[in-house]
């Protein structure tokens, strides 16, 4: 599927705090901990627990969430299909949409029981 400017804008304007509990509920049902969830978010965005809670309280949009993030240099290694979209085929002009799908891919992997060492990608030496 192709991402459109409208789709990117719709996701960019969604409030992160409204989606966060949906992510957490999914992980909790699969026996994952909040610490693991936050570890994945921190790896991907650089947001520690305090900063994450501040952004949730401020009800920032996904656009603001990702603008403030320090995306991990290995984030490009997060690949695959999420909601019918192949992450690596999402055009760079739709950066917010691409980052949102990468975060969802990481959460999917965590929910499916993938080991943390695999989720938090490292370059092969």
PDB file of N, CA and C in Angstrom:
ATOM      1  N   UNK A   1       0.841  -1.191   0.000  1.00  0.00           N
ATOM      2  CA  UNK A   1       0.000   0.000   0.000  1.00  0.00           C
ATOM      3  C   UNK A   1       0.877   1.242   0.000  1.00  0.00           C
ATOM      4  N   UNK A   2       0.334   2.295  -0.561  1.00  0.00           N
ATOM      5  CA  UNK A   2       1.067   3.556  -0.617  1.00  0.00           C
ATOM      6  C   UNK A   2       0.522   4.500   0.447  1.00  0.00           C
ATOM      7  N   UNK A   3       1.434   5.221   1.075  1.00  0.00           N
ATOM      8  CA  UNK A   3       1.048   6.235   2.056  1.00  0.00           C
ATOM      9  C   UNK A   3       0.698   7.505   1.289  1.00  0.00           C
ATOM     10  N   UNK A   4      -0.346   8.166   1.701  1.00  0.00           N
ATOM     11  CA  UNK A   4      -0.722   9.444   1.082  1.00  0.00           C
ATOM     12  C   UNK A   4      -0.423  10.574   2.060  1.00  0.00           C
ATOM     13  N   UNK A   5      -0.384  11.792   1.547  1.00  0.00           N
ATOM     14  CA  UNK A   5      -0.165  12.963   2.397  1.00  0.00           C
ATOM     15  C   UNK A   5      -1.279  13.061   3.449  1.00  0.00           C
ATOM     16  N   UNK A   6      -2.504  12.706   3.049  1.00  0.00           N
ATOM     17  CA  UNK A   6      -3.641  12.764   3.982  1.00  0.00           C
ATOM     18  C   UNK A   6      -3.459  11.766   5.120  1.00  0.00           C
ATOM     19  N   UNK A   7      -3.019  10.558   4.776  1.00  0.00           N
ATOM     20  CA  UNK A   7      -2.802   9.519   5.788  1.00  0.00           C
ATOM     21  C   UNK A   7      -1.694   9.945   6.754  1.00  0.00           C
ATOM     22  N   UNK A   8      -0.611  10.473   6.203  1.00  0.00           N
ATOM     23  CA  UNK A   8       0.500  10.951   7.026  1.00  0.00           C
ATOM     24  C   UNK A   8       0.020  12.041   7.978  1.00  0.00           C
ATOM     25  N   UNK A   9      -0.773  12.969   7.464  1.00  0.00           N
ATOM     26  CA  UNK A   9      -1.264  14.087   8.270  1.00  0.00           C
ATOM     27  C   UNK A   9      -2.204  13.600   9.371  1.00  0.00           C
ATOM     28  N   UNK A  10      -3.045  12.638   9.037  1.00  0.00           N
ATOM     29  CA  UNK A  10      -3.980  12.090  10.030  1.00  0.00           C
ATOM     30  C   UNK A  10      -3.215  11.470  11.201  1.00  0.00           C
ATOM     31  N   UNK A  11      -2.197  10.660  10.887  1.00  0.00           N
ATOM     32  CA  UNK A  11      -1.391  10.026  11.936  1.00  0.00           C
ATOM     33  C   UNK A  11      -0.597  11.083  12.703  1.00  0.00           C
ATOM     34  N   UNK A  12      -0.026  12.052  11.995  1.00  0.00           N
ATOM     35  CA  UNK A  12       0.775  13.104  12.629  1.00  0.00           C
ATOM     36  C   UNK A  12      -0.028  13.897  13.655  1.00  0.00           C
ATOM     37  N   UNK A  13      -1.334  14.029  13.427  1.00  0.00           N
ATOM     38  CA  UNK A  13      -2.181  14.821  14.323  1.00  0.00           C
ATOM     39  C   UNK A  13      -2.837  14.004  15.436  1.00  0.00           C
ATOM     40  N   UNK A  14      -2.615  12.698  15.440  1.00  0.00           N
ATOM     41  CA  UNK A  14      -3.160  11.869  16.519  1.00  0.00           C
ATOM     42  C   UNK A  14      -2.392  12.158  17.805  1.00  0.00           C
ATOM     43  N   UNK A  15      -3.088  12.090  18.920  1.00  0.00           N
ATOM     44  CA  UNK A  15      -2.483  12.351  20.220  1.00  0.00           C
ATOM     45  C   UNK A  15      -1.830  11.064  20.732  1.00  0.00           C
ATOM     46  N   UNK A  16      -0.528  11.150  20.989  1.00  0.00           N
ATOM     47  CA  UNK A  16       0.213   9.974  21.456  1.00  0.00           C
ATOM     48  C   UNK A  16      -0.424   9.383  22.711  1.00  0.00           C
ATOM     49  N   UNK A  17      -0.856  10.226  23.643  1.00  0.00           N
ATOM     50  CA  UNK A  17      -1.437   9.752  24.910  1.00  0.00           C
ATOM     51  C   UNK A  17      -2.699   8.920  24.686  1.00  0.00           C
ATOM     52  N   UNK A  18      -3.392   9.116  23.563  1.00  0.00           N
ATOM     53  CA  UNK A  18      -4.606   8.336  23.306  1.00  0.00           C
ATOM     54  C   UNK A  18      -4.262   6.951  22.746  1.00  0.00           C
ATOM     55  N   UNK A  19      -3.091   6.784  22.153  1.00  0.00           N
ATOM     56  CA  UNK A  19      -2.675   5.515  21.564  1.00  0.00           C
ATOM     57  C   UNK A  19      -1.826   4.693  22.547  1.00  0.00           C
ATOM     58  N   UNK A  20      -1.084   5.382  23.405  1.00  0.00           N
ATOM     59  CA  UNK A  20      -0.206   4.728  24.374  1.00  0.00           C
ATOM     60  C   UNK A  20      -0.913   3.614  25.156  1.00  0.00           C
ATOM     61  N   UNK A  21      -2.126   3.848  25.725  1.00  0.00           N
ATOM     62  CA  UNK A  21      -2.777   2.772  26.485  1.00  0.00           C
ATOM     63  C   UNK A  21      -3.150   1.568  25.606  1.00  0.00           C
ATOM     64  N   UNK A  22      -3.403   1.793  24.325  1.00  0.00           N
ATOM     65  CA  UNK A  22      -3.718   0.688  23.421  1.00  0.00           C
ATOM     66  C   UNK A  22      -2.479  -0.191  23.231  1.00  0.00           C
ATOM     67  N   UNK A  23      -1.331   0.449  23.065  1.00  0.00           N
ATOM     68  CA  UNK A  23      -0.069  -0.297  22.975  1.00  0.00           C
ATOM     69  C   UNK A  23       0.146  -1.101  24.254  1.00  0.00           C
ATOM     70  N   UNK A  24      -0.010  -0.416  25.396  1.00  0.00           N
ATOM     71  CA  UNK A  24       0.264  -1.063  26.682  1.00  0.00           C
ATOM     72  C   UNK A  24      -0.688  -2.230  26.939  1.00  0.00           C
ATOM     73  N   UNK A  25      -1.991  -2.055  26.641  1.00  0.00           N
ATOM     74  CA  UNK A  25      -2.969  -3.136  26.865  1.00  0.00           C
ATOM     75  C   UNK A  25      -2.594  -4.377  26.068  1.00  0.00           C
ATOM     76  N   UNK A  26      -2.161  -4.173  24.835  1.00  0.00           N
ATOM     77  CA  UNK A  26      -1.766  -5.305  23.998  1.00  0.00           C
ATOM     78  C   UNK A  26      -0.579  -6.045  24.619  1.00  0.00           C
ATOM     79  N   UNK A  27       0.403  -5.288  25.070  1.00  0.00           N
ATOM     80  CA  UNK A  27       1.593  -5.909  25.654  1.00  0.00           C
ATOM     81  C   UNK A  27       1.274  -6.613  26.964  1.00  0.00           C
ATOM     82  N   UNK A  28       0.457  -5.992  27.774  1.00  0.00           N
ATOM     83  CA  UNK A  28       0.090  -6.567  29.071  1.00  0.00           C
ATOM     84  C   UNK A  28      -0.633  -7.909  28.880  1.00  0.00           C
ATOM     85  N   UNK A  29      -1.514  -7.983  27.876  1.00  0.00           N
ATOM     86  CA  UNK A  29      -2.230  -9.228  27.577  1.00  0.00           C
ATOM     87  C   UNK A  29      -1.269 -10.356  27.198  1.00  0.00           C
ATOM     88  N   UNK A  30      -0.126  -9.985  26.635  1.00  0.00           N
ATOM     89  CA  UNK A  30       0.858 -10.973  26.211  1.00  0.00           C
ATOM     90  C   UNK A  30       1.951 -11.202  27.268  1.00  0.00           C
ATOM     91  N   UNK A  31       1.710 -10.693  28.485  1.00  0.00           N
ATOM     92  CA  UNK A  31       2.612 -10.984  29.591  1.00  0.00           C
ATOM     93  C   UNK A  31       3.899 -10.158  29.608  1.00  0.00           C
ATOM     94  N   UNK A  32       3.933  -9.066  28.873  1.00  0.00           N
ATOM     95  CA  UNK A  32       5.128  -8.217  28.886  1.00  0.00           C
ATOM     96  C   UNK A  32       4.991  -7.171  29.996  1.00  0.00           C
ATOM     97  N   UNK A  33       6.117  -6.632  30.440  1.00  0.00           N
ATOM     98  CA  UNK A  33       6.096  -5.659  31.538  1.00  0.00           C
ATOM     99  C   UNK A  33       6.157  -4.242  31.003  1.00  0.00           C
ATOM    100  N   UNK A  34       5.727  -3.322  31.862  1.00  0.00           N
ATOM    101  CA  UNK A  34       5.797  -1.915  31.491  1.00  0.00           C
ATOM    102  C   UNK A  34       7.261  -1.494  31.329  1.00  0.00           C
ATOM    103  N   UNK A  35       8.153  -2.094  32.119  1.00  0.00           N
ATOM    104  CA  UNK A  35       9.585  -1.785  32.005  1.00  0.00           C
ATOM    105  C   UNK A  35      10.098  -2.153  30.615  1.00  0.00           C
ATOM    106  N   UNK A  36       9.682  -3.320  30.111  1.00  0.00           N
ATOM    107  CA  UNK A  36      10.086  -3.733  28.757  1.00  0.00           C
ATOM    108  C   UNK A  36       9.526  -2.774  27.713  1.00  0.00           C
ATOM    109  N   UNK A  37       8.265  -2.424  27.866  1.00  0.00           N
ATOM    110  CA  UNK A  37       7.598  -1.485  26.953  1.00  0.00           C
ATOM    111  C   UNK A  37       8.369  -0.170  26.910  1.00  0.00           C
ATOM    112  N   UNK A  38       8.672   0.370  28.075  1.00  0.00           N
ATOM    113  CA  UNK A  38       9.380   1.657  28.140  1.00  0.00           C
ATOM    114  C   UNK A  38      10.826   1.531  27.666  1.00  0.00           C
ATOM    115  N   UNK A  39      11.427   0.367  27.858  1.00  0.00           N
ATOM    116  CA  UNK A  39      12.784   0.156  27.353  1.00  0.00           C
ATOM    117  C   UNK A  39      12.800   0.245  25.825  1.00  0.00           C
ATOM    118  N   UNK A  40      11.796  -0.330  25.190  1.00  0.00           N
ATOM    119  CA  UNK A  40      11.691  -0.271  23.731  1.00  0.00           C
ATOM    120  C   UNK A  40      11.472   1.169  23.277  1.00  0.00           C
ATOM    121  N   UNK A  41      10.575   1.880  23.946  1.00  0.00           N
ATOM    122  CA  UNK A  41      10.319   3.282  23.578  1.00  0.00           C
ATOM    123  C   UNK A  41      11.581   4.117  23.768  1.00  0.00           C
ATOM    124  N   UNK A  42      12.286   3.880  24.875  1.00  0.00           N
ATOM    125  CA  UNK A  42      13.510   4.657  25.131  1.00  0.00           C
ATOM    126  C   UNK A  42      14.584   4.341  24.094  1.00  0.00           C
ATOM    127  N   UNK A  43      14.730   3.097  23.722  1.00  0.00           N
ATOM    128  CA  UNK A  43      15.716   2.737  22.697  1.00  0.00           C
ATOM    129  C   UNK A  43      15.397   3.474  21.395  1.00  0.00           C
ATOM    130  N   UNK A  44      14.119   3.462  21.013  1.00  0.00           N
ATOM    131  CA  UNK A  44      13.719   4.031  19.734  1.00  0.00           C
ATOM    132  C   UNK A  44      13.747   5.568  19.728  1.00  0.00           C
ATOM    133  N   UNK A  45      13.279   6.189  20.819  1.00  0.00           N
ATOM    134  CA  UNK A  45      13.093   7.651  20.827  1.00  0.00           C
ATOM    135  C   UNK A  45      14.085   8.425  21.689  1.00  0.00           C
ATOM    136  N   UNK A  46      14.727   7.728  22.640  1.00  0.00           N
ATOM    137  CA  UNK A  46      15.604   8.418  23.584  1.00  0.00           C
ATOM    138  C   UNK A  46      14.855   8.967  24.794  1.00  0.00           C
ATOM    139  N   UNK A  47      13.532   8.799  24.856  1.00  0.00           N
ATOM    140  CA  UNK A  47      12.744   9.332  25.968  1.00  0.00           C
ATOM    141  C   UNK A  47      12.836   8.409  27.180  1.00  0.00           C
ATOM    142  N   UNK A  48      13.333   8.955  28.296  1.00  0.00           N
ATOM    143  CA  UNK A  48      13.327   8.178  29.532  1.00  0.00           C
ATOM    144  C   UNK A  48      11.922   8.240  30.137  1.00  0.00           C
ATOM    145  N   UNK A  49      11.735   7.564  31.250  1.00  0.00           N
ATOM    146  CA  UNK A  49      10.420   7.477  31.897  1.00  0.00           C
ATOM    147  C   UNK A  49       9.819   8.857  32.173  1.00  0.00           C
ATOM    148  N   UNK A  50      10.619   9.780  32.746  1.00  0.00           N
ATOM    149  CA  UNK A  50      10.108  11.113  33.087  1.00  0.00           C
ATOM    150  C   UNK A  50       9.671  11.883  31.844  1.00  0.00           C
ATOM    151  N   UNK A  51      10.497  11.856  30.817  1.00  0.00           N
ATOM    152  CA  UNK A  51      10.176  12.588  29.588  1.00  0.00           C
ATOM    153  C   UNK A  51       8.942  11.995  28.922  1.00  0.00           C
ATOM    154  N   UNK A  52       8.848  10.685  28.911  1.00  0.00           N
ATOM    155  CA  UNK A  52       7.694  10.015  28.322  1.00  0.00           C
ATOM    156  C   UNK A  52       6.410  10.429  29.041  1.00  0.00           C
ATOM    157  N   UNK A  53       6.451  10.415  30.370  1.00  0.00           N
ATOM    158  CA  UNK A  53       5.261  10.806  31.142  1.00  0.00           C
ATOM    159  C   UNK A  53       4.890  12.271  30.914  1.00  0.00           C
ATOM    160  N   UNK A  54       5.908  13.131  30.760  1.00  0.00           N
ATOM    161  CA  UNK A  54       5.656  14.547  30.469  1.00  0.00           C
ATOM    162  C   UNK A  54       4.945  14.695  29.123  1.00  0.00           C
ATOM    163  N   UNK A  55       5.424  13.996  28.103  1.00  0.00           N
ATOM    164  CA  UNK A  55       4.806  14.081  26.768  1.00  0.00           C
ATOM    165  C   UNK A  55       3.380  13.547  26.785  1.00  0.00           C
ATOM    166  N   UNK A  56       3.148  12.496  27.559  1.00  0.00           N
ATOM    167  CA  UNK A  56       1.790  11.952  27.688  1.00  0.00           C
ATOM    168  C   UNK A  56       0.887  12.983  28.368  1.00  0.00           C
ATOM    169  N   UNK A  57       1.379  13.585  29.448  1.00  0.00           N
ATOM    170  CA  UNK A  57       0.595  14.595  30.176  1.00  0.00           C
ATOM    171  C   UNK A  57       0.302  15.819  29.310  1.00  0.00           C
ATOM    172  N   UNK A  58       1.247  16.182  28.456  1.00  0.00           N
ATOM    173  CA  UNK A  58       1.069  17.346  27.573  1.00  0.00           C
ATOM    174  C   UNK A  58       0.173  17.029  26.380  1.00  0.00           C
ATOM    175  N   UNK A  59      -0.179  15.756  26.218  1.00  0.00           N
ATOM    176  CA  UNK A  59      -1.031  15.317  25.109  1.00  0.00           C
ATOM    177  C   UNK A  59      -0.469  15.758  23.748  1.00  0.00           C
ATOM    178  N   UNK A  60       0.819  15.479  23.548  1.00  0.00           N
ATOM    179  CA  UNK A  60       1.463  15.858  22.294  1.00  0.00           C
ATOM    180  C   UNK A  60       0.969  14.972  21.148  1.00  0.00           C
ATOM    181  N   UNK A  61       1.029  15.507  19.948  1.00  0.00           N
ATOM    182  CA  UNK A  61       0.686  14.733  18.760  1.00  0.00           C
ATOM    183  C   UNK A  61       1.854  13.825  18.409  1.00  0.00           C
ATOM    184  N   UNK A  62       1.612  12.866  17.530  1.00  0.00           N
ATOM    185  CA  UNK A  62       2.701  12.018  17.056  1.00  0.00           C
ATOM    186  C   UNK A  62       3.761  12.875  16.358  1.00  0.00           C
ATOM    187  N   UNK A  63       3.334  13.916  15.655  1.00  0.00           N
ATOM    188  CA  UNK A  63       4.302  14.801  14.988  1.00  0.00           C
ATOM    189  C   UNK A  63       5.275  15.385  16.010  1.00  0.00           C
ATOM    190  N   UNK A  64       4.735  15.968  17.073  1.00  0.00           N
ATOM    191  CA  UNK A  64       5.565  16.568  18.122  1.00  0.00           C
ATOM    192  C   UNK A  64       6.391  15.496  18.826  1.00  0.00           C
ATOM    193  N   UNK A  65       5.776  14.359  19.093  1.00  0.00           N
ATOM    194  CA  UNK A  65       6.461  13.245  19.752  1.00  0.00           C
ATOM    195  C   UNK A  65       7.727  12.873  18.979  1.00  0.00           C
ATOM    196  N   UNK A  66       7.592  12.705  17.671  1.00  0.00           N
ATOM    197  CA  UNK A  66       8.752  12.304  16.877  1.00  0.00           C
ATOM    198  C   UNK A  66       9.704  13.459  16.582  1.00  0.00           C
ATOM    199  N   UNK A  67       9.202  14.694  16.560  1.00  0.00           N
ATOM    200  CA  UNK A  67      10.099  15.856  16.393  1.00  0.00           C
ATOM    201  C   UNK A  67      11.018  15.996  17.599  1.00  0.00           C
ATOM    202  N   UNK A  68      10.502  15.689  18.792  1.00  0.00           N
ATOM    203  CA  UNK A  68      11.294  15.827  20.017  1.00  0.00           C
ATOM    204  C   UNK A  68      12.201  14.618  20.257  1.00  0.00           C
ATOM    205  N   UNK A  69      11.901  13.529  19.563  1.00  0.00           N
ATOM    206  CA  UNK A  69      12.654  12.282  19.765  1.00  0.00           C
ATOM    207  C   UNK A  69      14.041  12.362  19.153  1.00  0.00           C
ATOM    208  N   UNK A  70      14.945  11.594  19.763  1.00  0.00           N
ATOM    209  CA  UNK A  70      16.270  11.389  19.185  1.00  0.00           C
ATOM    210  C   UNK A  70      16.240   9.938  18.699  1.00  0.00           C
ATOM    211  N   UNK A  71      15.777   9.765  17.463  1.00  0.00           N
ATOM    212  CA  UNK A  71      15.578   8.430  16.913  1.00  0.00           C
ATOM    213  C   UNK A  71      16.909   7.672  16.889  1.00  0.00           C
ATOM    214  N   UNK A  72      16.875   6.431  17.358  1.00  0.00           N
ATOM    215  CA  UNK A  72      18.081   5.603  17.442  1.00  0.00           C
ATOM    216  C   UNK A  72      18.717   5.444  16.058  1.00  0.00           C
ATOM    217  N   UNK A  73      20.046   5.521  15.981  1.00  0.00           N
ATOM    218  CA  UNK A  73      20.720   5.393  14.680  1.00  0.00           C
ATOM    219  C   UNK A  73      20.460   4.055  13.975  1.00  0.00           C
ATOM    220  N   UNK A  74      20.066   3.030  14.717  1.00  0.00           N
ATOM    221  CA  UNK A  74      19.778   1.741  14.091  1.00  0.00           C
ATOM    222  C   UNK A  74      18.294   1.548  13.776  1.00  0.00           C
ATOM    223  N   UNK A  75      17.509   2.598  13.896  1.00  0.00           N
ATOM    224  CA  UNK A  75      16.072   2.496  13.623  1.00  0.00           C
ATOM    225  C   UNK A  75      15.812   2.044  12.184  1.00  0.00           C
ATOM    226  N   UNK A  76      16.726   2.357  11.277  1.00  0.00           N
ATOM    227  CA  UNK A  76      16.562   1.932   9.878  1.00  0.00           C
ATOM    228  C   UNK A  76      16.541   0.405   9.742  1.00  0.00           C
ATOM    229  N   UNK A  77      16.993  -0.284  10.791  1.00  0.00           N
ATOM    230  CA  UNK A  77      17.016  -1.745  10.772  1.00  0.00           C
ATOM    231  C   UNK A  77      15.647  -2.353  11.120  1.00  0.00           C
ATOM    232  N   UNK A  78      14.698  -1.509  11.534  1.00  0.00           N
ATOM    233  CA  UNK A  78      13.343  -1.974  11.841  1.00  0.00           C
ATOM    234  C   UNK A  78      12.614  -2.061  10.505  1.00  0.00           C
ATOM    235  N   UNK A  79      12.370  -3.292  10.080  1.00  0.00           N
ATOM    236  CA  UNK A  79      11.771  -3.521   8.762  1.00  0.00           C
ATOM    237  C   UNK A  79      10.632  -4.508   8.881  1.00  0.00           C
ATOM    238  N   UNK A  80       9.846  -4.575   7.828  1.00  0.00           N
ATOM    239  CA  UNK A  80       8.763  -5.549   7.780  1.00  0.00           C
ATOM    240  C   UNK A  80       7.428  -4.886   7.522  1.00  0.00           C
ATOM    241  N   UNK A  81       6.380  -5.679   7.595  1.00  0.00           N
ATOM    242  CA  UNK A  81       5.036  -5.211   7.292  1.00  0.00           C
ATOM    243  C   UNK A  81       4.285  -4.914   8.587  1.00  0.00           C
ATOM    244  N   UNK A  82       3.654  -3.747   8.616  1.00  0.00           N
ATOM    245  CA  UNK A  82       2.783  -3.356   9.725  1.00  0.00           C
ATOM    246  C   UNK A  82       1.527  -2.758   9.106  1.00  0.00           C
ATOM    247  N   UNK A  83       0.379  -3.310   9.450  1.00  0.00           N
ATOM    248  CA  UNK A  83      -0.907  -2.827   8.941  1.00  0.00           C
ATOM    249  C   UNK A  83      -0.922  -2.746   7.406  1.00  0.00           C
ATOM    250  N   UNK A  84      -0.269  -3.696   6.764  1.00  0.00           N
ATOM    251  CA  UNK A  84      -0.273  -3.736   5.310  1.00  0.00           C
ATOM    252  C   UNK A  84       0.767  -2.857   4.633  1.00  0.00           C
ATOM    253  N   UNK A  85       1.546  -2.135   5.421  1.00  0.00           N
ATOM    254  CA  UNK A  85       2.577  -1.242   4.870  1.00  0.00           C
ATOM    255  C   UNK A  85       3.950  -1.853   5.103  1.00  0.00           C
ATOM    256  N   UNK A  86       4.740  -1.965   4.042  1.00  0.00           N
ATOM    257  CA  UNK A  86       6.120  -2.409   4.166  1.00  0.00           C
ATOM    258  C   UNK A  86       6.935  -1.190   4.582  1.00  0.00           C
ATOM    259  N   UNK A  87       7.463  -1.215   5.800  1.00  0.00           N
ATOM    260  CA  UNK A  87       8.125  -0.040   6.380  1.00  0.00           C
ATOM    261  C   UNK A  87       9.188   0.534   5.452  1.00  0.00           C
ATOM    262  N   UNK A  88      10.029  -0.342   4.891  1.00  0.00           N
ATOM    263  CA  UNK A  88      11.136   0.162   4.083  1.00  0.00           C
ATOM    264  C   UNK A  88      10.679   0.781   2.757  1.00  0.00           C
ATOM    265  N   UNK A  89       9.404   0.619   2.394  1.00  0.00           N
ATOM    266  CA  UNK A  89       8.888   1.239   1.173  1.00  0.00           C
ATOM    267  C   UNK A  89       8.143   2.539   1.435  1.00  0.00           C
ATOM    268  N   UNK A  90       7.991   2.915   2.712  1.00  0.00           N
ATOM    269  CA  UNK A  90       7.334   4.192   3.030  1.00  0.00           C
ATOM    270  C   UNK A  90       8.301   5.311   2.671  1.00  0.00           C
ATOM    271  N   UNK A  91       7.842   6.226   1.851  1.00  0.00           N
ATOM    272  CA  UNK A  91       8.699   7.298   1.351  1.00  0.00           C
ATOM    273  C   UNK A  91       9.132   8.236   2.478  1.00  0.00           C
ATOM    274  N   UNK A  92      10.354   8.773   2.333  1.00  0.00           N
ATOM    275  CA  UNK A  92      10.937   9.645   3.361  1.00  0.00           C
ATOM    276  C   UNK A  92      10.098  10.893   3.628  1.00  0.00           C
ATOM    277  N   UNK A  93       9.343  11.351   2.638  1.00  0.00           N
ATOM    278  CA  UNK A  93       8.518  12.544   2.858  1.00  0.00           C
ATOM    279  C   UNK A  93       7.431  12.298   3.911  1.00  0.00           C
ATOM    280  N   UNK A  94       7.137  11.031   4.174  1.00  0.00           N
ATOM    281  CA  UNK A  94       6.127  10.676   5.178  1.00  0.00           C
ATOM    282  C   UNK A  94       6.820  10.161   6.439  1.00  0.00           C
ATOM    283  N   UNK A  95       7.757  10.944   6.946  1.00  0.00           N
ATOM    284  CA  UNK A  95       8.616  10.555   8.060  1.00  0.00           C
ATOM    285  C   UNK A  95       7.824  10.195   9.322  1.00  0.00           C
ATOM    286  N   UNK A  96       6.812  10.982   9.671  1.00  0.00           N
ATOM    287  CA  UNK A  96       6.031  10.707  10.881  1.00  0.00           C
ATOM    288  C   UNK A  96       5.351   9.349  10.753  1.00  0.00           C
ATOM    289  N   UNK A  97       4.783   9.096   9.594  1.00  0.00           N
ATOM    290  CA  UNK A  97       4.101   7.826   9.368  1.00  0.00           C
ATOM    291  C   UNK A  97       5.086   6.657   9.464  1.00  0.00           C
ATOM    292  N   UNK A  98       6.254   6.840   8.875  1.00  0.00           N
ATOM    293  CA  UNK A  98       7.284   5.792   8.901  1.00  0.00           C
ATOM    294  C   UNK A  98       7.727   5.504  10.333  1.00  0.00           C
ATOM    295  N   UNK A  99       7.961   6.563  11.125  1.00  0.00           N
ATOM    296  CA  UNK A  99       8.399   6.371  12.521  1.00  0.00           C
ATOM    297  C   UNK A  99       7.300   5.711  13.342  1.00  0.00           C
ATOM    298  N   UNK A 100       6.067   6.088  13.089  1.00  0.00           N
ATOM    299  CA  UNK A 100       4.933   5.487  13.808  1.00  0.00           C
ATOM    300  C   UNK A 100       4.864   3.988  13.512  1.00  0.00           C
ATOM    301  N   UNK A 101       5.032   3.622  12.270  1.00  0.00           N
ATOM    302  CA  UNK A 101       4.994   2.207  11.884  1.00  0.00           C
ATOM    303  C   UNK A 101       6.193   1.452  12.454  1.00  0.00           C
ATOM    304  N   UNK A 102       7.349   2.101  12.537  1.00  0.00           N
ATOM    305  CA  UNK A 102       8.511   1.451  13.152  1.00  0.00           C
ATOM    306  C   UNK A 102       8.241   1.166  14.623  1.00  0.00           C
ATOM    307  N   UNK A 103       7.673   2.149  15.322  1.00  0.00           N
ATOM    308  CA  UNK A 103       7.351   1.949  16.738  1.00  0.00           C
ATOM    309  C   UNK A 103       6.357   0.803  16.886  1.00  0.00           C
ATOM    310  N   UNK A 104       5.352   0.763  16.022  1.00  0.00           N
ATOM    311  CA  UNK A 104       4.371  -0.313  16.083  1.00  0.00           C
ATOM    312  C   UNK A 104       5.005  -1.672  15.807  1.00  0.00           C
ATOM    313  N   UNK A 105       5.960  -1.721  14.901  1.00  0.00           N
ATOM    314  CA  UNK A 105       6.666  -2.969  14.604  1.00  0.00           C
ATOM    315  C   UNK A 105       7.425  -3.461  15.839  1.00  0.00           C
ATOM    316  N   UNK A 106       8.086  -2.541  16.534  1.00  0.00           N
ATOM    317  CA  UNK A 106       8.806  -2.903  17.755  1.00  0.00           C
ATOM    318  C   UNK A 106       7.841  -3.444  18.811  1.00  0.00           C
ATOM    319  N   UNK A 107       6.691  -2.803  18.944  1.00  0.00           N
ATOM    320  CA  UNK A 107       5.681  -3.234  19.910  1.00  0.00           C
ATOM    321  C   UNK A 107       5.127  -4.603  19.510  1.00  0.00           C
ATOM    322  N   UNK A 108       4.909  -4.811  18.207  1.00  0.00           N
ATOM    323  CA  UNK A 108       4.463  -6.128  17.717  1.00  0.00           C
ATOM    324  C   UNK A 108       5.454  -7.216  18.106  1.00  0.00           C
ATOM    325  N   UNK A 109       6.724  -6.932  17.878  1.00  0.00           N
ATOM    326  CA  UNK A 109       7.754  -7.918  18.193  1.00  0.00           C
ATOM    327  C   UNK A 109       7.786  -8.235  19.689  1.00  0.00           C
ATOM    328  N   UNK A 110       7.633  -7.207  20.504  1.00  0.00           N
ATOM    329  CA  UNK A 110       7.609  -7.401  21.950  1.00  0.00           C
ATOM    330  C   UNK A 110       6.394  -8.251  22.342  1.00  0.00           C
ATOM    331  N   UNK A 111       5.242  -7.934  21.769  1.00  0.00           N
ATOM    332  CA  UNK A 111       4.012  -8.676  22.075  1.00  0.00           C
ATOM    333  C   UNK A 111       4.125 -10.140  21.654  1.00  0.00           C
ATOM    334  N   UNK A 112       4.840 -10.398  20.578  1.00  0.00           N
ATOM    335  CA  UNK A 112       4.971 -11.769  20.069  1.00  0.00           C
ATOM    336  C   UNK A 112       6.055 -12.564  20.787  1.00  0.00           C
ATOM    337  N   UNK A 113       6.688 -11.934  21.797  1.00  0.00           N
ATOM    338  CA  UNK A 113       7.646 -12.657  22.615  1.00  0.00           C
ATOM    339  C   UNK A 113       9.070 -12.668  22.091  1.00  0.00           C
ATOM    340  N   UNK A 114       9.361 -11.813  21.129  1.00  0.00           N
ATOM    341  CA  UNK A 114      10.730 -11.763  20.610  1.00  0.00           C
ATOM    342  C   UNK A 114      11.675 -11.311  21.720  1.00  0.00           C
ATOM    343  N   UNK A 115      12.881 -11.832  21.709  1.00  0.00           N
ATOM    344  CA  UNK A 115      13.860 -11.475  22.737  1.00  0.00           C
ATOM    345  C   UNK A 115      14.258 -10.012  22.591  1.00  0.00           C
ATOM    346  N   UNK A 116      14.481  -9.365  23.736  1.00  0.00           N
ATOM    347  CA  UNK A 116      14.827  -7.950  23.763  1.00  0.00           C
ATOM    348  C   UNK A 116      16.090  -7.654  22.955  1.00  0.00           C
ATOM    349  N   UNK A 117      17.064  -8.576  22.996  1.00  0.00           N
ATOM    350  CA  UNK A 117      18.317  -8.342  22.243  1.00  0.00           C
ATOM    351  C   UNK A 117      18.040  -8.232  20.746  1.00  0.00           C
ATOM    352  N   UNK A 118      17.014  -8.939  20.280  1.00  0.00           N
ATOM    353  CA  UNK A 118      16.656  -8.887  18.857  1.00  0.00           C
ATOM    354  C   UNK A 118      15.856  -7.626  18.531  1.00  0.00           C
ATOM    355  N   UNK A 119      15.005  -7.226  19.463  1.00  0.00           N
ATOM    356  CA  UNK A 119      14.172  -6.041  19.243  1.00  0.00           C
ATOM    357  C   UNK A 119      15.039  -4.784  19.187  1.00  0.00           C
ATOM    358  N   UNK A 120      15.974  -4.686  20.144  1.00  0.00           N
ATOM    359  CA  UNK A 120      16.853  -3.512  20.220  1.00  0.00           C
ATOM    360  C   UNK A 120      18.044  -3.782  19.297  1.00  0.00           C
ATOM    361  N   UNK A 121      17.852  -3.479  18.044  1.00  0.00           N
ATOM    362  CA  UNK A 121      18.808  -3.839  17.000  1.00  0.00           C
ATOM    363  C   UNK A 121      20.176  -3.216  17.198  1.00  0.00           C
ATOM    364  N   UNK A 122      21.175  -4.029  16.914  1.00  0.00           N
ATOM    365  CA  UNK A 122      22.560  -3.556  16.919  1.00  0.00           C
ATOM    366  C   UNK A 122      23.202  -3.933  15.601  1.00  0.00           C
ATOM    367  N   UNK A 123      24.111  -3.096  15.139  1.00  0.00           N
ATOM    368  CA  UNK A 123      24.841  -3.409  13.906  1.00  0.00           C
ATOM    369  C   UNK A 123      25.670  -4.655  14.149  1.00  0.00           C
ATOM    370  N   UNK A 124      25.734  -5.524  13.156  1.00  0.00           N
ATOM    371  CA  UNK A 124      26.594  -6.719  13.277  1.00  0.00           C
ATOM    372  C   UNK A 124      28.024  -6.292  13.132  1.00  0.00           C
ATOM    373  N   UNK A 125      28.882  -6.855  13.982  1.00  0.00           N
ATOM    374  CA  UNK A 125      30.301  -6.457  13.952  1.00  0.00           C
ATOM    375  C   UNK A 125      31.089  -7.339  13.025  1.00  0.00           C
TER     376      UNK A 125
END
